[in-house]
ModelCIF file with pLDDT and N, C-alpha, C, O atoms, coordinates in Angstrom:
data_MODEL
#
_entry.id   MODEL 
#
_entity.id                         1 
_entity.type                       polymer 
_entity.pdbx_number_of_molecules   1 
#
_entity_poly.entity_id                      1 
_entity_poly.type                           'polypeptide(L)' 
_entity_poly.nstd_linkage                   no 
_entity_poly.nstd_monomer                   no 
_entity_poly.pdbx_seq_one_letter_code       AAANRADPSAGHVHDTGPELGWQLAAADVAIVDVSAMIYDRLATGK 
_entity_poly.pdbx_seq_one_letter_code_can   AAANRADPSAGHVHDTGPELGWQLAAADVAIVDVSAMIYDRLATGK 
_entity_poly.pdbx_strand_id                 A 
#
loop_
_entity_poly_seq.entity_id 
_entity_poly_seq.num 
_entity_poly_seq.mon_id 
_entity_poly_seq.hetero 
1 1  ALA n 
1 2  ALA n 
1 3  ALA n 
1 4  ASN n 
1 5  ARG n 
1 6  ALA n 
1 7  ASP n 
1 8  PRO n 
1 9  SER n 
1 10 ALA n 
1 11 GLY n 
1 12 HIS n 
1 13 VAL n 
1 14 HIS n 
1 15 ASP n 
1 16 THR n 
1 17 GLY n 
1 18 PRO n 
1 19 GLU n 
1 20 LEU n 
1 21 GLY n 
1 22 TRP n 
1 23 GLN n 
1 24 LEU n 
1 25 ALA n 
1 26 ALA n 
1 27 ALA n 
1 28 ASP n 
1 29 VAL n 
1 30 ALA n 
1 31 ILE n 
1 32 VAL n 
1 33 ASP n 
1 34 VAL n 
1 35 SER n 
1 36 ALA n 
1 37 MET n 
1 38 ILE n 
1 39 TYR n 
1 40 ASP n 
1 41 ARG n 
1 42 LEU n 
1 43 ALA n 
1 44 THR n 
1 45 GLY n 
1 46 LYS n 
#
_struct_asym.id          A 
_struct_asym.entity_id   1 
#
loop_
_ma_qa_metric.id 
_ma_qa_metric.mode 
_ma_qa_metric.name 
_ma_qa_metric.software_group_id 
_ma_qa_metric.type 
1 global pLDDT . pLDDT 
2 local  pLDDT . pLDDT 
#
_ma_qa_metric_global.metric_id      1 
_ma_qa_metric_global.metric_value   92.65 
_ma_qa_metric_global.model_id       1 
_ma_qa_metric_global.ordinal_id     1 
#
loop_
_ma_qa_metric_local.label_asym_id 
_ma_qa_metric_local.label_comp_id 
_ma_qa_metric_local.label_seq_id 
_ma_qa_metric_local.metric_id 
_ma_qa_metric_local.metric_value 
_ma_qa_metric_local.model_id 
_ma_qa_metric_local.ordinal_id 
A ALA 1  2 98.00 1 1  
A ALA 2  2 98.00 1 2  
A ALA 3  2 98.00 1 3  
A ASN 4  2 98.00 1 4  
A ARG 5  2 98.00 1 5  
A ALA 6  2 98.00 1 6  
A ASP 7  2 97.00 1 7  
A PRO 8  2 95.00 1 8  
A SER 9  2 96.00 1 9  
A ALA 10 2 97.00 1 10 
A GLY 11 2 97.00 1 11 
A HIS 12 2 98.00 1 12 
A VAL 13 2 98.00 1 13 
A HIS 14 2 98.00 1 14 
A ASP 15 2 97.00 1 15 
A THR 16 2 94.00 1 16 
A GLY 17 2 89.00 1 17 
A PRO 18 2 78.00 1 18 
A GLU 19 2 81.00 1 19 
A LEU 20 2 82.00 1 20 
A GLY 21 2 87.00 1 21 
A TRP 22 2 92.00 1 22 
A GLN 23 2 95.00 1 23 
A LEU 24 2 93.00 1 24 
A ALA 25 2 89.00 1 25 
A ALA 26 2 94.00 1 26 
A ALA 27 2 97.00 1 27 
A ASP 28 2 97.00 1 28 
A VAL 29 2 97.00 1 29 
A ALA 30 2 98.00 1 30 
A ILE 31 2 98.00 1 31 
A VAL 32 2 97.00 1 32 
A ASP 33 2 96.00 1 33 
A VAL 34 2 92.00 1 34 
A SER 35 2 88.00 1 35 
A ALA 36 2 83.00 1 36 
A MET 37 2 89.00 1 37 
A ILE 38 2 90.00 1 38 
A TYR 39 2 88.00 1 39 
A ASP 40 2 88.00 1 40 
A ARG 41 2 92.00 1 41 
A LEU 42 2 90.00 1 42 
A ALA 43 2 86.00 1 43 
A THR 44 2 86.00 1 44 
A GLY 45 2 85.00 1 45 
A LYS 46 2 90.00 1 46 
#
loop_
_atom_site.group_PDB 
_atom_site.id 
_atom_site.type_symbol 
_atom_site.label_atom_id 
_atom_site.label_alt_id 
_atom_site.label_comp_id 
_atom_site.label_asym_id 
_atom_site.label_entity_id 
_atom_site.label_seq_id 
_atom_site.pdbx_PDB_ins_code 
_atom_site.Cartn_x 
_atom_site.Cartn_y 
_atom_site.Cartn_z 
_atom_site.occupancy 
_atom_site.B_iso_or_equiv 
_atom_site.pdbx_formal_charge 
_atom_site.auth_seq_id 
_atom_site.auth_comp_id 
_atom_site.auth_asym_id 
_atom_site.auth_atom_id 
_atom_site.pdbx_PDB_model_num 
ATOM 1   N N  . ALA A 1 1  ? 21.370 -132.301 -92.998  1.00 98.00 ? 1  ALA A N  1 
ATOM 2   C CA . ALA A 1 1  ? 21.656 -132.774 -94.180  1.00 98.00 ? 1  ALA A CA 1 
ATOM 3   C C  . ALA A 1 1  ? 21.187 -132.764 -95.725  1.00 98.00 ? 1  ALA A C  1 
ATOM 4   O O  . ALA A 1 1  ? 21.688 -133.216 -96.754  1.00 98.00 ? 1  ALA A O  1 
ATOM 5   N N  . ALA A 1 2  ? 20.039 -132.072 -95.445  1.00 98.00 ? 2  ALA A N  1 
ATOM 6   C CA . ALA A 1 2  ? 19.156 -132.533 -96.666  1.00 98.00 ? 2  ALA A CA 1 
ATOM 7   C C  . ALA A 1 2  ? 19.542 -131.142 -97.589  1.00 98.00 ? 2  ALA A C  1 
ATOM 8   O O  . ALA A 1 2  ? 19.677 -131.172 -98.812  1.00 98.00 ? 2  ALA A O  1 
ATOM 9   N N  . ALA A 1 3  ? 19.747 -129.460 -96.424  1.00 98.00 ? 3  ALA A N  1 
ATOM 10  C CA . ALA A 1 3  ? 20.212 -128.267 -96.822  1.00 98.00 ? 3  ALA A CA 1 
ATOM 11  C C  . ALA A 1 3  ? 21.490 -128.170 -97.175  1.00 98.00 ? 3  ALA A C  1 
ATOM 12  O O  . ALA A 1 3  ? 21.800 -127.037 -97.542  1.00 98.00 ? 3  ALA A O  1 
ATOM 13  N N  . ASN A 1 4  ? 22.587 -129.194 -97.199  1.00 98.00 ? 4  ASN A N  1 
ATOM 14  C CA . ASN A 1 4  ? 23.743 -128.680 -97.208  1.00 98.00 ? 4  ASN A CA 1 
ATOM 15  C C  . ASN A 1 4  ? 23.702 -129.951 -99.237  1.00 98.00 ? 4  ASN A C  1 
ATOM 16  O O  . ASN A 1 4  ? 24.324 -129.789 -100.287 1.00 98.00 ? 4  ASN A O  1 
ATOM 17  N N  . ARG A 1 5  ? 22.860 -130.814 -98.890  1.00 98.00 ? 5  ARG A N  1 
ATOM 18  C CA . ARG A 1 5  ? 22.984 -131.488 -100.085 1.00 98.00 ? 5  ARG A CA 1 
ATOM 19  C C  . ARG A 1 5  ? 22.473 -130.214 -101.307 1.00 98.00 ? 5  ARG A C  1 
ATOM 20  O O  . ARG A 1 5  ? 23.153 -130.134 -102.329 1.00 98.00 ? 5  ARG A O  1 
ATOM 21  N N  . ALA A 1 6  ? 21.388 -129.357 -101.146 1.00 98.00 ? 6  ALA A N  1 
ATOM 22  C CA . ALA A 1 6  ? 21.380 -128.650 -101.550 1.00 98.00 ? 6  ALA A CA 1 
ATOM 23  C C  . ALA A 1 6  ? 21.894 -127.464 -102.443 1.00 98.00 ? 6  ALA A C  1 
ATOM 24  O O  . ALA A 1 6  ? 21.750 -127.232 -103.643 1.00 98.00 ? 6  ALA A O  1 
ATOM 25  N N  . ASP A 1 7  ? 22.719 -126.612 -101.160 1.00 97.00 ? 7  ASP A N  1 
ATOM 26  C CA . ASP A 1 7  ? 23.746 -125.723 -101.389 1.00 97.00 ? 7  ASP A CA 1 
ATOM 27  C C  . ASP A 1 7  ? 24.519 -126.263 -100.286 1.00 97.00 ? 7  ASP A C  1 
ATOM 28  O O  . ASP A 1 7  ? 24.428 -126.140 -99.064  1.00 97.00 ? 7  ASP A O  1 
ATOM 29  N N  . PRO A 1 8  ? 25.655 -127.175 -101.396 1.00 95.00 ? 8  PRO A N  1 
ATOM 30  C CA . PRO A 1 8  ? 27.046 -127.322 -100.636 1.00 95.00 ? 8  PRO A CA 1 
ATOM 31  C C  . PRO A 1 8  ? 27.634 -125.802 -100.236 1.00 95.00 ? 8  PRO A C  1 
ATOM 32  O O  . PRO A 1 8  ? 27.765 -125.672 -99.019  1.00 95.00 ? 8  PRO A O  1 
ATOM 33  N N  . SER A 1 9  ? 27.833 -125.186 -100.653 1.00 96.00 ? 9  SER A N  1 
ATOM 34  C CA . SER A 1 9  ? 28.375 -123.782 -100.091 1.00 96.00 ? 9  SER A CA 1 
ATOM 35  C C  . SER A 1 9  ? 27.987 -123.313 -98.290  1.00 96.00 ? 9  SER A C  1 
ATOM 36  O O  . SER A 1 9  ? 28.521 -122.635 -97.411  1.00 96.00 ? 9  SER A O  1 
ATOM 37  N N  . ALA A 1 10 ? 26.867 -124.068 -98.435  1.00 97.00 ? 10 ALA A N  1 
ATOM 38  C CA . ALA A 1 10 ? 26.172 -123.409 -96.654  1.00 97.00 ? 10 ALA A CA 1 
ATOM 39  C C  . ALA A 1 10 ? 27.074 -123.715 -95.836  1.00 97.00 ? 10 ALA A C  1 
ATOM 40  O O  . ALA A 1 10 ? 27.607 -122.776 -95.246  1.00 97.00 ? 10 ALA A O  1 
ATOM 41  N N  . GLY A 1 11 ? 27.593 -125.283 -95.499  1.00 97.00 ? 11 GLY A N  1 
ATOM 42  C CA . GLY A 1 11 ? 28.238 -125.297 -94.612  1.00 97.00 ? 11 GLY A CA 1 
ATOM 43  C C  . GLY A 1 11 ? 27.959 -125.270 -93.331  1.00 97.00 ? 11 GLY A C  1 
ATOM 44  O O  . GLY A 1 11 ? 28.701 -125.028 -92.378  1.00 97.00 ? 11 GLY A O  1 
ATOM 45  N N  . HIS A 1 12 ? 26.507 -125.611 -93.377  1.00 98.00 ? 12 HIS A N  1 
ATOM 46  C CA . HIS A 1 12 ? 25.852 -126.184 -92.105  1.00 98.00 ? 12 HIS A CA 1 
ATOM 47  C C  . HIS A 1 12 ? 26.638 -127.315 -91.360  1.00 98.00 ? 12 HIS A C  1 
ATOM 48  O O  . HIS A 1 12 ? 27.180 -128.160 -92.073  1.00 98.00 ? 12 HIS A O  1 
ATOM 49  N N  . VAL A 1 13 ? 26.758 -127.422 -89.988  1.00 98.00 ? 13 VAL A N  1 
ATOM 50  C CA . VAL A 1 13 ? 27.658 -128.223 -89.027  1.00 98.00 ? 13 VAL A CA 1 
ATOM 51  C C  . VAL A 1 13 ? 26.890 -128.745 -88.596  1.00 98.00 ? 13 VAL A C  1 
ATOM 52  O O  . VAL A 1 13 ? 25.876 -128.127 -88.272  1.00 98.00 ? 13 VAL A O  1 
ATOM 53  N N  . HIS A 1 14 ? 26.993 -130.210 -88.368  1.00 98.00 ? 14 HIS A N  1 
ATOM 54  C CA . HIS A 1 14 ? 26.101 -131.246 -87.002  1.00 98.00 ? 14 HIS A CA 1 
ATOM 55  C C  . HIS A 1 14 ? 26.965 -131.919 -86.983  1.00 98.00 ? 14 HIS A C  1 
ATOM 56  O O  . HIS A 1 14 ? 27.343 -132.858 -87.684  1.00 98.00 ? 14 HIS A O  1 
ATOM 57  N N  . ASP A 1 15 ? 27.627 -131.000 -85.389  1.00 97.00 ? 15 ASP A N  1 
ATOM 58  C CA . ASP A 1 15 ? 28.540 -131.155 -84.386  1.00 97.00 ? 15 ASP A CA 1 
ATOM 59  C C  . ASP A 1 15 ? 28.870 -131.985 -83.419  1.00 97.00 ? 15 ASP A C  1 
ATOM 60  O O  . ASP A 1 15 ? 28.826 -131.491 -82.293  1.00 97.00 ? 15 ASP A O  1 
ATOM 61  N N  . THR A 1 16 ? 29.238 -133.265 -83.511  1.00 94.00 ? 16 THR A N  1 
ATOM 62  C CA . THR A 1 16 ? 28.940 -133.842 -82.289  1.00 94.00 ? 16 THR A CA 1 
ATOM 63  C C  . THR A 1 16 ? 30.619 -134.191 -82.268  1.00 94.00 ? 16 THR A C  1 
ATOM 64  O O  . THR A 1 16 ? 30.856 -135.393 -82.147  1.00 94.00 ? 16 THR A O  1 
ATOM 65  N N  . GLY A 1 17 ? 31.646 -133.418 -82.356  1.00 89.00 ? 17 GLY A N  1 
ATOM 66  C CA . GLY A 1 17 ? 32.997 -133.868 -82.119  1.00 89.00 ? 17 GLY A CA 1 
ATOM 67  C C  . GLY A 1 17 ? 33.123 -133.644 -80.576  1.00 89.00 ? 17 GLY A C  1 
ATOM 68  O O  . GLY A 1 17 ? 32.326 -132.989 -79.905  1.00 89.00 ? 17 GLY A O  1 
ATOM 69  N N  . PRO A 1 18 ? 34.519 -134.443 -79.994  1.00 78.00 ? 18 PRO A N  1 
ATOM 70  C CA . PRO A 1 18 ? 34.641 -134.212 -78.720  1.00 78.00 ? 18 PRO A CA 1 
ATOM 71  C C  . PRO A 1 18 ? 35.217 -132.612 -78.087  1.00 78.00 ? 18 PRO A C  1 
ATOM 72  O O  . PRO A 1 18 ? 34.778 -132.145 -77.036  1.00 78.00 ? 18 PRO A O  1 
ATOM 73  N N  . GLU A 1 19 ? 35.783 -132.233 -78.553  1.00 81.00 ? 19 GLU A N  1 
ATOM 74  C CA . GLU A 1 19 ? 36.041 -130.671 -78.196  1.00 81.00 ? 19 GLU A CA 1 
ATOM 75  C C  . GLU A 1 19 ? 35.345 -129.949 -78.634  1.00 81.00 ? 19 GLU A C  1 
ATOM 76  O O  . GLU A 1 19 ? 34.677 -129.942 -79.668  1.00 81.00 ? 19 GLU A O  1 
ATOM 77  N N  . LEU A 1 20 ? 35.513 -129.098 -77.612  1.00 82.00 ? 20 LEU A N  1 
ATOM 78  C CA . LEU A 1 20 ? 34.360 -127.319 -76.983  1.00 82.00 ? 20 LEU A CA 1 
ATOM 79  C C  . LEU A 1 20 ? 35.345 -126.211 -77.453  1.00 82.00 ? 20 LEU A C  1 
ATOM 80  O O  . LEU A 1 20 ? 36.432 -126.105 -76.884  1.00 82.00 ? 20 LEU A O  1 
ATOM 81  N N  . GLY A 1 21 ? 35.053 -125.508 -78.319  1.00 87.00 ? 21 GLY A N  1 
ATOM 82  C CA . GLY A 1 21 ? 35.944 -124.364 -78.461  1.00 87.00 ? 21 GLY A CA 1 
ATOM 83  C C  . GLY A 1 21 ? 35.599 -123.344 -79.369  1.00 87.00 ? 21 GLY A C  1 
ATOM 84  O O  . GLY A 1 21 ? 35.204 -122.178 -79.377  1.00 87.00 ? 21 GLY A O  1 
ATOM 85  N N  . TRP A 1 22 ? 35.974 -124.444 -80.285  1.00 92.00 ? 22 TRP A N  1 
ATOM 86  C CA . TRP A 1 22 ? 35.885 -123.342 -81.957  1.00 92.00 ? 22 TRP A CA 1 
ATOM 87  C C  . TRP A 1 22 ? 34.607 -123.112 -82.427  1.00 92.00 ? 22 TRP A C  1 
ATOM 88  O O  . TRP A 1 22 ? 34.465 -122.509 -83.491  1.00 92.00 ? 22 TRP A O  1 
ATOM 89  N N  . GLN A 1 23 ? 33.627 -123.512 -81.775  1.00 95.00 ? 23 GLN A N  1 
ATOM 90  C CA . GLN A 1 23 ? 32.362 -123.508 -82.085  1.00 95.00 ? 23 GLN A CA 1 
ATOM 91  C C  . GLN A 1 23 ? 31.850 -122.162 -81.194  1.00 95.00 ? 23 GLN A C  1 
ATOM 92  O O  . GLN A 1 23 ? 31.018 -121.435 -81.737  1.00 95.00 ? 23 GLN A O  1 
ATOM 93  N N  . LEU A 1 24 ? 32.214 -121.900 -80.168  1.00 93.00 ? 24 LEU A N  1 
ATOM 94  C CA . LEU A 1 24 ? 32.029 -120.672 -79.199  1.00 93.00 ? 24 LEU A CA 1 
ATOM 95  C C  . LEU A 1 24 ? 32.986 -119.178 -79.643  1.00 93.00 ? 24 LEU A C  1 
ATOM 96  O O  . LEU A 1 24 ? 32.864 -118.037 -79.198  1.00 93.00 ? 24 LEU A O  1 
ATOM 97  N N  . ALA A 1 25 ? 33.966 -119.731 -80.705  1.00 89.00 ? 25 ALA A N  1 
ATOM 98  C CA . ALA A 1 25 ? 34.475 -118.468 -80.996  1.00 89.00 ? 25 ALA A CA 1 
ATOM 99  C C  . ALA A 1 25 ? 34.115 -118.484 -82.591  1.00 89.00 ? 25 ALA A C  1 
ATOM 100 O O  . ALA A 1 25 ? 33.989 -117.364 -83.084  1.00 89.00 ? 25 ALA A O  1 
ATOM 101 N N  . ALA A 1 26 ? 34.010 -119.123 -83.090  1.00 94.00 ? 26 ALA A N  1 
ATOM 102 C CA . ALA A 1 26 ? 33.446 -119.087 -84.895  1.00 94.00 ? 26 ALA A CA 1 
ATOM 103 C C  . ALA A 1 26 ? 32.421 -118.480 -84.932  1.00 94.00 ? 26 ALA A C  1 
ATOM 104 O O  . ALA A 1 26 ? 32.305 -117.666 -85.848  1.00 94.00 ? 26 ALA A O  1 
ATOM 105 N N  . ALA A 1 27 ? 31.269 -118.644 -83.938  1.00 97.00 ? 27 ALA A N  1 
ATOM 106 C CA . ALA A 1 27 ? 29.788 -118.320 -83.935  1.00 97.00 ? 27 ALA A CA 1 
ATOM 107 C C  . ALA A 1 27 ? 29.783 -116.747 -83.627  1.00 97.00 ? 27 ALA A C  1 
ATOM 108 O O  . ALA A 1 27 ? 30.467 -116.290 -82.711  1.00 97.00 ? 27 ALA A O  1 
ATOM 109 N N  . ASP A 1 28 ? 28.978 -115.947 -84.438  1.00 97.00 ? 28 ASP A N  1 
ATOM 110 C CA . ASP A 1 28 ? 28.518 -114.388 -84.471  1.00 97.00 ? 28 ASP A CA 1 
ATOM 111 C C  . ASP A 1 28 ? 27.303 -114.427 -83.283  1.00 97.00 ? 28 ASP A C  1 
ATOM 112 O O  . ASP A 1 28 ? 26.925 -113.373 -82.770  1.00 97.00 ? 28 ASP A O  1 
ATOM 113 N N  . VAL A 1 29 ? 26.696 -115.808 -82.874  1.00 97.00 ? 29 VAL A N  1 
ATOM 114 C CA . VAL A 1 29 ? 26.116 -115.623 -82.348  1.00 97.00 ? 29 VAL A CA 1 
ATOM 115 C C  . VAL A 1 29 ? 24.996 -116.565 -81.924  1.00 97.00 ? 29 VAL A C  1 
ATOM 116 O O  . VAL A 1 29 ? 24.116 -116.647 -82.780  1.00 97.00 ? 29 VAL A O  1 
ATOM 117 N N  . ALA A 1 30 ? 24.697 -117.653 -80.296  1.00 98.00 ? 30 ALA A N  1 
ATOM 118 C CA . ALA A 1 30 ? 24.070 -118.402 -80.803  1.00 98.00 ? 30 ALA A CA 1 
ATOM 119 C C  . ALA A 1 30 ? 23.100 -118.706 -79.830  1.00 98.00 ? 30 ALA A C  1 
ATOM 120 O O  . ALA A 1 30 ? 22.537 -117.687 -79.429  1.00 98.00 ? 30 ALA A O  1 
ATOM 121 N N  . ILE A 1 31 ? 22.776 -119.564 -79.399  1.00 98.00 ? 31 ILE A N  1 
ATOM 122 C CA . ILE A 1 31 ? 21.359 -120.299 -79.457  1.00 98.00 ? 31 ILE A CA 1 
ATOM 123 C C  . ILE A 1 31 ? 21.696 -120.999 -78.144  1.00 98.00 ? 31 ILE A C  1 
ATOM 124 O O  . ILE A 1 31 ? 22.851 -121.416 -78.219  1.00 98.00 ? 31 ILE A O  1 
ATOM 125 N N  . VAL A 1 32 ? 21.169 -121.271 -77.041  1.00 97.00 ? 32 VAL A N  1 
ATOM 126 C CA . VAL A 1 32 ? 21.045 -122.036 -76.475  1.00 97.00 ? 32 VAL A CA 1 
ATOM 127 C C  . VAL A 1 32 ? 20.262 -122.345 -74.933  1.00 97.00 ? 32 VAL A C  1 
ATOM 128 O O  . VAL A 1 32 ? 19.682 -121.611 -74.133  1.00 97.00 ? 32 VAL A O  1 
ATOM 129 N N  . ASP A 1 33 ? 20.432 -123.165 -74.953  1.00 96.00 ? 33 ASP A N  1 
ATOM 130 C CA . ASP A 1 33 ? 19.053 -123.760 -73.514  1.00 96.00 ? 33 ASP A CA 1 
ATOM 131 C C  . ASP A 1 33 ? 19.759 -123.294 -72.034  1.00 96.00 ? 33 ASP A C  1 
ATOM 132 O O  . ASP A 1 33 ? 20.810 -122.658 -71.966  1.00 96.00 ? 33 ASP A O  1 
ATOM 133 N N  . VAL A 1 34 ? 19.000 -123.723 -70.927  1.00 92.00 ? 34 VAL A N  1 
ATOM 134 C CA . VAL A 1 34 ? 19.468 -123.512 -69.744  1.00 92.00 ? 34 VAL A CA 1 
ATOM 135 C C  . VAL A 1 34 ? 20.283 -124.286 -69.605  1.00 92.00 ? 34 VAL A C  1 
ATOM 136 O O  . VAL A 1 34 ? 19.916 -125.459 -69.678  1.00 92.00 ? 34 VAL A O  1 
ATOM 137 N N  . SER A 1 35 ? 22.133 -123.932 -69.275  1.00 88.00 ? 35 SER A N  1 
ATOM 138 C CA . SER A 1 35 ? 22.583 -125.107 -69.369  1.00 88.00 ? 35 SER A CA 1 
ATOM 139 C C  . SER A 1 35 ? 24.336 -124.370 -69.462  1.00 88.00 ? 35 SER A C  1 
ATOM 140 O O  . SER A 1 35 ? 24.792 -123.304 -69.877  1.00 88.00 ? 35 SER A O  1 
ATOM 141 N N  . ALA A 1 36 ? 24.807 -125.376 -68.950  1.00 83.00 ? 36 ALA A N  1 
ATOM 142 C CA . ALA A 1 36 ? 26.723 -124.745 -68.164  1.00 83.00 ? 36 ALA A CA 1 
ATOM 143 C C  . ALA A 1 36 ? 27.025 -123.978 -70.129  1.00 83.00 ? 36 ALA A C  1 
ATOM 144 O O  . ALA A 1 36 ? 27.893 -123.109 -70.204  1.00 83.00 ? 36 ALA A O  1 
ATOM 145 N N  . MET A 1 37 ? 26.528 -124.250 -71.032  1.00 89.00 ? 37 MET A N  1 
ATOM 146 C CA . MET A 1 37 ? 26.430 -123.742 -72.152  1.00 89.00 ? 37 MET A CA 1 
ATOM 147 C C  . MET A 1 37 ? 26.309 -122.578 -72.167  1.00 89.00 ? 37 MET A C  1 
ATOM 148 O O  . MET A 1 37 ? 27.298 -121.962 -72.564  1.00 89.00 ? 37 MET A O  1 
ATOM 149 N N  . ILE A 1 38 ? 25.108 -121.779 -71.765  1.00 90.00 ? 38 ILE A N  1 
ATOM 150 C CA . ILE A 1 38 ? 25.045 -120.722 -71.317  1.00 90.00 ? 38 ILE A CA 1 
ATOM 151 C C  . ILE A 1 38 ? 26.422 -119.316 -70.918  1.00 90.00 ? 38 ILE A C  1 
ATOM 152 O O  . ILE A 1 38 ? 26.611 -118.211 -71.427  1.00 90.00 ? 38 ILE A O  1 
ATOM 153 N N  . TYR A 1 39 ? 27.315 -120.255 -69.514  1.00 88.00 ? 39 TYR A N  1 
ATOM 154 C CA . TYR A 1 39 ? 28.363 -119.827 -69.481  1.00 88.00 ? 39 TYR A CA 1 
ATOM 155 C C  . TYR A 1 39 ? 29.631 -119.586 -70.279  1.00 88.00 ? 39 TYR A C  1 
ATOM 156 O O  . TYR A 1 39 ? 30.314 -118.574 -70.435  1.00 88.00 ? 39 TYR A O  1 
ATOM 157 N N  . ASP A 1 40 ? 29.743 -120.911 -70.768  1.00 88.00 ? 40 ASP A N  1 
ATOM 158 C CA . ASP A 1 40 ? 30.665 -121.270 -71.956  1.00 88.00 ? 40 ASP A CA 1 
ATOM 159 C C  . ASP A 1 40 ? 30.446 -120.310 -72.944  1.00 88.00 ? 40 ASP A C  1 
ATOM 160 O O  . ASP A 1 40 ? 31.434 -119.873 -73.535  1.00 88.00 ? 40 ASP A O  1 
ATOM 161 N N  . ARG A 1 41 ? 29.439 -119.940 -73.206  1.00 92.00 ? 41 ARG A N  1 
ATOM 162 C CA . ARG A 1 41 ? 28.895 -118.698 -73.872  1.00 92.00 ? 41 ARG A CA 1 
ATOM 163 C C  . ARG A 1 41 ? 29.526 -117.108 -73.787  1.00 92.00 ? 41 ARG A C  1 
ATOM 164 O O  . ARG A 1 41 ? 30.253 -116.496 -74.569  1.00 92.00 ? 41 ARG A O  1 
ATOM 165 N N  . LEU A 1 42 ? 29.055 -116.811 -72.781  1.00 90.00 ? 42 LEU A N  1 
ATOM 166 C CA . LEU A 1 42 ? 28.704 -115.917 -71.774  1.00 90.00 ? 42 LEU A CA 1 
ATOM 167 C C  . LEU A 1 42 ? 30.394 -115.307 -71.634  1.00 90.00 ? 42 LEU A C  1 
ATOM 168 O O  . LEU A 1 42 ? 30.747 -114.128 -71.609  1.00 90.00 ? 42 LEU A O  1 
ATOM 169 N N  . ALA A 1 43 ? 31.485 -116.875 -71.536  1.00 86.00 ? 43 ALA A N  1 
ATOM 170 C CA . ALA A 1 43 ? 32.721 -116.059 -71.133  1.00 86.00 ? 43 ALA A CA 1 
ATOM 171 C C  . ALA A 1 43 ? 33.275 -115.398 -72.482  1.00 86.00 ? 43 ALA A C  1 
ATOM 172 O O  . ALA A 1 43 ? 34.400 -114.905 -72.402  1.00 86.00 ? 43 ALA A O  1 
ATOM 173 N N  . THR A 1 44 ? 32.774 -115.348 -73.412  1.00 86.00 ? 44 THR A N  1 
ATOM 174 C CA . THR A 1 44 ? 33.586 -115.088 -75.227  1.00 86.00 ? 44 THR A CA 1 
ATOM 175 C C  . THR A 1 44 ? 33.113 -113.382 -75.097  1.00 86.00 ? 44 THR A C  1 
ATOM 176 O O  . THR A 1 44 ? 33.600 -112.453 -75.743  1.00 86.00 ? 44 THR A O  1 
ATOM 177 N N  . GLY A 1 45 ? 31.862 -113.294 -73.911  1.00 85.00 ? 45 GLY A N  1 
ATOM 178 C CA . GLY A 1 45 ? 31.436 -111.971 -74.493  1.00 85.00 ? 45 GLY A CA 1 
ATOM 179 C C  . GLY A 1 45 ? 30.479 -111.478 -75.657  1.00 85.00 ? 45 GLY A C  1 
ATOM 180 O O  . GLY A 1 45 ? 30.071 -110.321 -75.756  1.00 85.00 ? 45 GLY A O  1 
ATOM 181 N N  . LYS A 1 46 ? 30.152 -112.609 -76.600  1.00 90.00 ? 46 LYS A N  1 
ATOM 182 C CA . LYS A 1 46 ? 30.142 -111.950 -77.303  1.00 90.00 ? 46 LYS A CA 1 
ATOM 183 C C  . LYS A 1 46 ? 27.896 -112.699 -77.250  1.00 90.00 ? 46 LYS A C  1 
ATOM 184 O O  . LYS A 1 46 ? 27.068 -112.224 -78.027  1.00 90.00 ? 46 LYS A O  1 
#
């Protein structure tokens, strides 16, 4: 929140929405823990 106030063009996102998908497609690179998110991301090939 502080970073976005300092630079509104940064567009950082705190995502708590119910839908999962756009995040995986939009991200150039992902950082994930040992969890199912590894494999959600792996399916994109990115």
